[in-house]
Amino acid sequence: MFTSTHSNSPLYDSFSFAPPMPDFSRSPCPALNTLANHGYIPRNGTNIPFWTLFTAIRHVYNLSFPLAMLLTTVGYFTCGTLALFPTEPSPPHDKTLLTTITRFLPCPSWTLDLASLCTTGPYKIAHDASLVHKYVPRSAADPALVAQLLTLAHHTHPSYNMTSIPIKSKYQDGLTLCDLGCLHAEREDALPPTHKLNKLHEQVALGECGLAWCVMRTHDEDAEQGVIPARVLEQWFGEERLPDGWWDVGGSRPISEVGLREAAKRAAEVGLFEDQN
């Protein structure tokens, strides 16, 4: 079943949301799974060309060229497949001398399967401190962690000590950057000794929190007062779909490009809460 999160324009029909089939490839990253579920990258999540993913994350999430290039390059460098020669044979009706010769000429391609991002290792980017994945390798969000995230967004958790900074946003249900920092610190502290993060994974985890806030926060008010509304958390983290009205004027999509400096700043702010524990 396809569900649209766009305006009613027929131009967006091919990018309607559809849940993945059981055999589709998915990653631990809700941002990438969302792109596949909407068709901005191959819906089956396999053999995704480098420039296809780069263009998709830049366009959909309004990331700057340097930030989109960094994120894409890291993912493909650690988990992608680089081929120097074509892997698909020429069609039977195209057996000319020229096509036969070109089959043996280098034709580099850099592709990625989303499931490859579940691969663990000291130099891979999968880690165990995700906000909605208990342990990797898992591509599906953990329902209990998603429920905890939403409970915290509604500020009804009886034992979780959220930040003492009151929410000044007009959106009363949501998570501030401070909330994400506290939650990340709690998730990392709860990891068993065998799952502790190395320095690379620590930076990846902080970057994920900071970037999620930059992209999904409310953009119609001051950045320091912004929150990720509860409905956005549920749709993006839980259902892995673009929030309702994403492309509408005044919708959830960032109004200005999210740059490398802004993402790094927010990631560092999330890390401050870890240092306090």
Protein backbone atom coordinates (compact mmCIF):
# COMPACT_ATOMS: atom_id res chain seq x y z
CA MET A 1 0.00 0.00 0.00
CA PHE A 2 1.38 3.38 -1.00
CA THR A 3 0.92 6.43 1.18
CA SER A 4 1.88 9.91 0.04
CA THR A 5 3.63 12.43 2.27
CA HIS A 6 3.79 15.01 -0.50
CA SER A 7 1.43 17.61 -1.80
CA ASN A 8 -1.24 16.33 -4.16
CA SER A 9 0.93 16.93 -7.21
CA PRO A 10 1.13 13.87 -9.51
CA LEU A 11 4.86 14.58 -9.86
CA TYR A 12 5.38 12.90 -6.49
CA ASP A 13 3.34 9.73 -7.07
CA SER A 14 6.45 7.64 -7.69
CA PHE A 15 7.88 8.73 -4.33
CA SER A 16 4.96 7.60 -2.20
CA PHE A 17 5.72 5.60 0.91
CA ALA A 18 5.52 1.81 0.74
CA PRO A 19 6.72 -0.56 3.51
CA PRO A 20 9.58 -2.82 2.44
CA MET A 21 8.96 -6.36 1.26
CA PRO A 22 10.44 -9.12 3.46
CA ASP A 23 13.36 -9.72 1.11
CA PHE A 24 14.30 -6.05 0.69
CA SER A 25 17.67 -4.85 1.97
CA ARG A 26 17.57 -2.36 4.84
CA SER A 27 20.11 -0.69 7.15
CA PRO A 28 20.16 0.40 10.81
CA CYS A 29 19.78 4.02 9.57
CA PRO A 30 16.20 5.38 9.43
CA ALA A 31 17.28 8.17 7.07
CA LEU A 32 18.47 5.71 4.40
CA ASN A 33 15.61 3.26 4.90
CA THR A 34 13.19 6.16 4.48
CA LEU A 35 14.79 7.06 1.14
CA ALA A 36 14.29 3.48 -0.04
CA ASN A 37 10.73 3.25 1.28
CA HIS A 38 9.87 6.35 -0.77
CA GLY A 39 11.75 5.31 -3.90
CA TYR A 40 14.41 8.02 -3.93
CA ILE A 41 16.90 5.17 -4.08
CA PRO A 42 16.09 1.62 -5.29
CA ARG A 43 13.24 0.34 -3.15
CA ASN A 44 14.87 -3.07 -2.75
CA GLY A 45 17.89 -1.37 -1.16
CA THR A 46 20.49 -3.16 -3.29
CA ASN A 47 23.17 -2.08 -5.78
CA ILE A 48 22.71 1.61 -5.05
CA PRO A 49 25.12 3.72 -7.13
CA PHE A 50 27.20 6.28 -5.25
CA TRP A 51 25.77 9.31 -7.02
CA THR A 52 22.20 8.07 -6.63
CA LEU A 53 22.49 8.01 -2.85
CA PHE A 54 24.46 11.25 -2.72
CA THR A 55 21.82 13.07 -4.77
CA ALA A 56 18.97 11.60 -2.74
CA ILE A 57 20.23 12.54 0.72
CA ARG A 58 21.18 16.00 -0.48
CA HIS A 59 17.81 16.65 -2.13
CA VAL A 60 15.46 15.05 0.38
CA TYR A 61 17.15 16.21 3.59
CA ASN A 62 18.52 19.50 2.17
CA LEU A 63 22.13 18.78 3.11
CA SER A 64 25.02 20.86 1.80
CA PHE A 65 27.32 19.40 -0.85
CA PRO A 66 30.26 18.88 1.58
CA LEU A 67 28.11 17.21 4.25
CA ALA A 68 26.31 14.94 1.77
CA MET A 69 29.64 14.05 0.17
CA LEU A 70 31.22 13.20 3.54
CA LEU A 71 28.33 10.99 4.66
CA THR A 72 28.09 9.16 1.35
CA THR A 73 31.83 8.63 1.02
CA VAL A 74 32.18 7.23 4.54
CA GLY A 75 29.34 4.78 3.96
CA TYR A 76 30.67 3.55 0.64
CA PHE A 77 34.30 3.47 1.79
CA THR A 78 33.47 1.26 4.77
CA CYS A 79 30.66 -0.89 3.34
CA GLY A 80 30.43 -0.34 -0.42
CA THR A 81 31.53 -2.51 -3.34
CA LEU A 82 33.94 -1.14 -5.94
CA ALA A 83 33.97 -2.92 -9.31
CA LEU A 84 36.30 -2.05 -12.19
CA PHE A 85 34.43 -3.95 -14.89
CA PRO A 86 30.73 -4.22 -15.77
CA THR A 87 28.98 -7.03 -13.93
CA GLU A 88 25.96 -7.29 -16.24
CA PRO A 89 26.35 -8.92 -19.67
CA SER A 90 25.32 -7.06 -22.79
CA PRO A 91 21.80 -7.75 -24.11
CA PRO A 92 21.64 -10.63 -26.62
CA HIS A 93 20.68 -8.26 -29.45
CA ASP A 94 23.66 -5.99 -28.74
CA LYS A 95 26.60 -8.23 -29.69
CA THR A 96 28.49 -5.81 -31.89
CA LEU A 97 32.25 -5.73 -32.01
CA LEU A 98 32.27 -2.45 -30.11
CA THR A 99 30.17 -3.76 -27.19
CA THR A 100 32.29 -6.90 -27.05
CA ILE A 101 35.47 -4.83 -26.77
CA THR A 102 34.04 -2.44 -24.17
CA ARG A 103 33.11 -5.37 -21.92
CA PHE A 104 36.83 -5.82 -21.29
CA LEU A 105 37.55 -2.13 -20.64
CA PRO A 106 37.50 -0.70 -17.10
CA CYS A 107 34.14 0.80 -16.17
CA PRO A 108 34.33 1.55 -12.44
CA SER A 109 31.16 1.40 -10.36
CA TRP A 110 30.73 1.99 -6.64
CA THR A 111 27.57 0.46 -5.21
CA LEU A 112 26.07 -0.27 -1.82
CA ASP A 113 23.50 -2.63 -0.34
CA LEU A 114 21.74 -1.10 2.65
CA ALA A 115 22.10 -4.35 4.61
CA SER A 116 25.89 -4.08 4.35
CA LEU A 117 25.69 -1.15 6.78
CA CYS A 118 24.71 -3.69 9.47
CA THR A 119 28.19 -5.21 9.26
CA THR A 120 30.10 -4.78 12.51
CA GLY A 121 33.80 -4.23 13.04
CA PRO A 122 36.27 -1.65 14.39
CA TYR A 123 36.37 0.14 11.03
CA LYS A 124 32.69 -0.21 10.15
CA ILE A 125 30.12 2.43 11.04
CA ALA A 126 27.51 0.15 12.68
CA HIS A 127 27.52 0.53 16.47
CA ASP A 128 25.51 -0.49 19.54
CA ALA A 129 24.40 2.91 20.87
CA SER A 130 21.67 3.67 18.34
CA LEU A 131 18.60 5.46 19.65
CA VAL A 132 16.17 2.84 18.31
CA HIS A 133 18.31 -0.26 17.67
CA LYS A 134 19.31 -2.32 20.68
CA TYR A 135 22.20 -4.15 19.09
CA VAL A 136 23.49 -4.45 15.56
CA PRO A 137 23.30 -6.14 13.17
CA ARG A 138 19.59 -5.29 12.97
CA SER A 139 17.88 -3.34 10.24
CA ALA A 140 14.49 -3.04 11.93
CA ALA A 141 13.95 -0.56 14.73
CA ASP A 142 13.40 -2.07 18.18
CA PRO A 143 9.72 -1.47 19.10
CA ALA A 144 10.57 -1.09 22.80
CA LEU A 145 13.18 1.59 22.11
CA VAL A 146 10.84 3.43 19.74
CA ALA A 147 8.16 3.34 22.45
CA GLN A 148 10.66 4.69 24.98
CA LEU A 149 11.59 7.49 22.60
CA LEU A 150 7.95 8.49 22.20
CA THR A 151 7.33 8.26 25.93
CA LEU A 152 10.20 10.63 26.56
CA ALA A 153 8.89 12.96 23.86
CA HIS A 154 5.58 13.16 25.72
CA HIS A 155 7.52 13.75 28.99
CA THR A 156 5.60 11.07 30.85
CA HIS A 157 8.45 8.71 31.74
CA PRO A 158 8.33 8.28 35.55
CA SER A 159 12.01 7.54 36.13
CA TYR A 160 13.91 9.27 33.37
CA ASN A 161 15.44 12.55 34.46
CA MET A 162 15.20 14.73 31.39
CA THR A 163 17.10 17.95 31.08
CA SER A 164 16.15 20.65 33.54
CA ILE A 165 15.94 23.18 30.71
CA PRO A 166 12.22 23.71 30.06
CA ILE A 167 10.86 23.40 26.54
CA LYS A 168 10.21 26.88 25.21
CA SER A 169 8.98 25.61 21.87
CA LYS A 170 5.33 25.97 20.92
CA TYR A 171 5.46 22.21 20.26
CA GLN A 172 4.94 20.80 23.74
CA ASP A 173 5.51 17.16 22.80
CA GLY A 174 8.99 16.57 21.43
CA LEU A 175 12.67 16.11 22.15
CA THR A 176 15.18 18.94 22.41
CA LEU A 177 18.85 18.55 21.55
CA CYS A 178 19.49 18.34 25.30
CA ASP A 179 17.03 15.45 25.53
CA LEU A 180 18.85 13.61 22.76
CA GLY A 181 22.15 14.20 24.55
CA CYS A 182 20.80 12.72 27.78
CA LEU A 183 19.28 9.78 25.97
CA HIS A 184 22.47 9.04 24.06
CA ALA A 185 24.51 9.15 27.27
CA GLU A 186 22.09 6.75 28.94
CA ARG A 187 22.19 4.34 25.99
CA GLU A 188 25.98 4.30 25.94
CA ASP A 189 26.30 3.88 29.70
CA ALA A 190 23.97 0.86 29.56
CA LEU A 191 26.14 -1.01 27.06
CA PRO A 192 27.88 -4.13 28.41
CA PRO A 193 31.70 -4.03 28.43
CA THR A 194 31.91 -6.13 25.27
CA HIS A 195 29.84 -3.59 23.34
CA LYS A 196 31.55 -0.35 24.38
CA LEU A 197 32.12 2.09 21.54
CA ASN A 198 35.54 2.83 20.12
CA LYS A 199 36.44 6.38 19.12
CA LEU A 200 35.15 5.98 15.56
CA HIS A 201 31.82 4.57 16.67
CA GLU A 202 31.50 7.26 19.33
CA GLN A 203 31.84 9.99 16.70
CA VAL A 204 29.36 8.20 14.43
CA ALA A 205 26.81 7.93 17.25
CA LEU A 206 27.18 11.60 18.21
CA GLY A 207 26.92 12.62 14.57
CA GLU A 208 23.73 10.64 14.12
CA CYS A 209 22.06 12.38 17.06
CA GLY A 210 23.22 15.83 16.01
CA LEU A 211 22.26 15.38 12.38
CA ALA A 212 18.86 13.90 13.24
CA TRP A 213 18.10 17.00 15.28
CA CYS A 214 19.34 19.36 12.54
CA VAL A 215 17.15 17.72 9.91
CA MET A 216 14.01 16.82 11.87
CA ARG A 217 13.68 19.68 14.36
CA THR A 218 11.05 22.38 14.02
CA HIS A 219 12.29 25.01 11.58
CA ASP A 220 9.69 27.70 12.13
CA GLU A 221 11.29 28.99 15.33
CA ASP A 222 14.71 29.77 16.78
CA ALA A 223 17.15 26.89 16.47
CA GLU A 224 18.01 26.90 20.17
CA GLN A 225 14.33 26.37 21.02
CA GLY A 226 13.61 23.76 18.36
CA VAL A 227 12.39 20.27 19.12
CA ILE A 228 11.76 17.12 17.13
CA PRO A 229 7.96 16.77 17.50
CA ALA A 230 6.61 13.45 18.74
CA ARG A 231 4.74 12.76 15.49
CA VAL A 232 7.97 13.24 13.52
CA LEU A 233 9.81 10.86 15.84
CA GLU A 234 7.11 8.23 15.36
CA GLN A 235 6.98 8.53 11.57
CA TRP A 236 10.72 8.81 10.89
CA PHE A 237 12.27 6.55 13.56
CA GLY A 238 9.34 4.15 13.97
CA GLU A 239 7.77 3.88 10.51
CA GLU A 240 10.83 4.98 8.49
CA ARG A 241 8.85 7.38 6.34
CA LEU A 242 9.01 11.10 5.68
CA PRO A 243 6.86 13.05 8.14
CA ASP A 244 3.49 14.23 6.87
CA GLY A 245 3.70 17.41 4.85
CA TRP A 246 7.47 17.11 4.39
CA TRP A 247 7.47 18.91 1.03
CA ASP A 248 4.74 21.41 1.85
CA VAL A 249 5.55 25.09 2.28
CA GLY A 250 6.34 25.44 5.97
CA GLY A 251 6.60 21.66 6.30
CA SER A 252 9.12 19.60 8.22
CA ARG A 253 11.94 19.71 5.63
CA PRO A 254 14.80 22.05 6.62
CA ILE A 255 14.28 25.51 5.17
CA SER A 256 18.01 26.21 4.83
CA GLU A 257 20.76 23.78 3.87
CA VAL A 258 22.16 21.77 6.77
CA GLY A 259 25.91 22.25 6.56
CA LEU A 260 28.94 20.40 7.84
CA ARG A 261 29.72 23.05 10.44
CA GLU A 262 26.19 23.02 11.85
CA ALA A 263 26.10 19.23 12.05
CA ALA A 264 29.50 19.08 13.76
CA LYS A 265 28.44 21.75 16.27
CA ARG A 266 25.30 19.86 17.26
CA ALA A 267 27.16 16.55 17.51
CA ALA A 268 29.67 18.18 19.88
CA GLU A 269 26.81 19.52 22.01
CA VAL A 270 25.35 16.02 22.29
CA GLY A 271 28.77 14.79 23.44
CA LEU A 272 28.81 17.24 26.34
CA PHE A 273 26.16 15.18 28.11
CA GLU A 274 28.28 12.07 27.89
CA ASP A 275 31.17 13.94 29.51
CA GLN A 276 28.93 14.85 32.47
CA ASN A 277 28.14 11.21 33.27
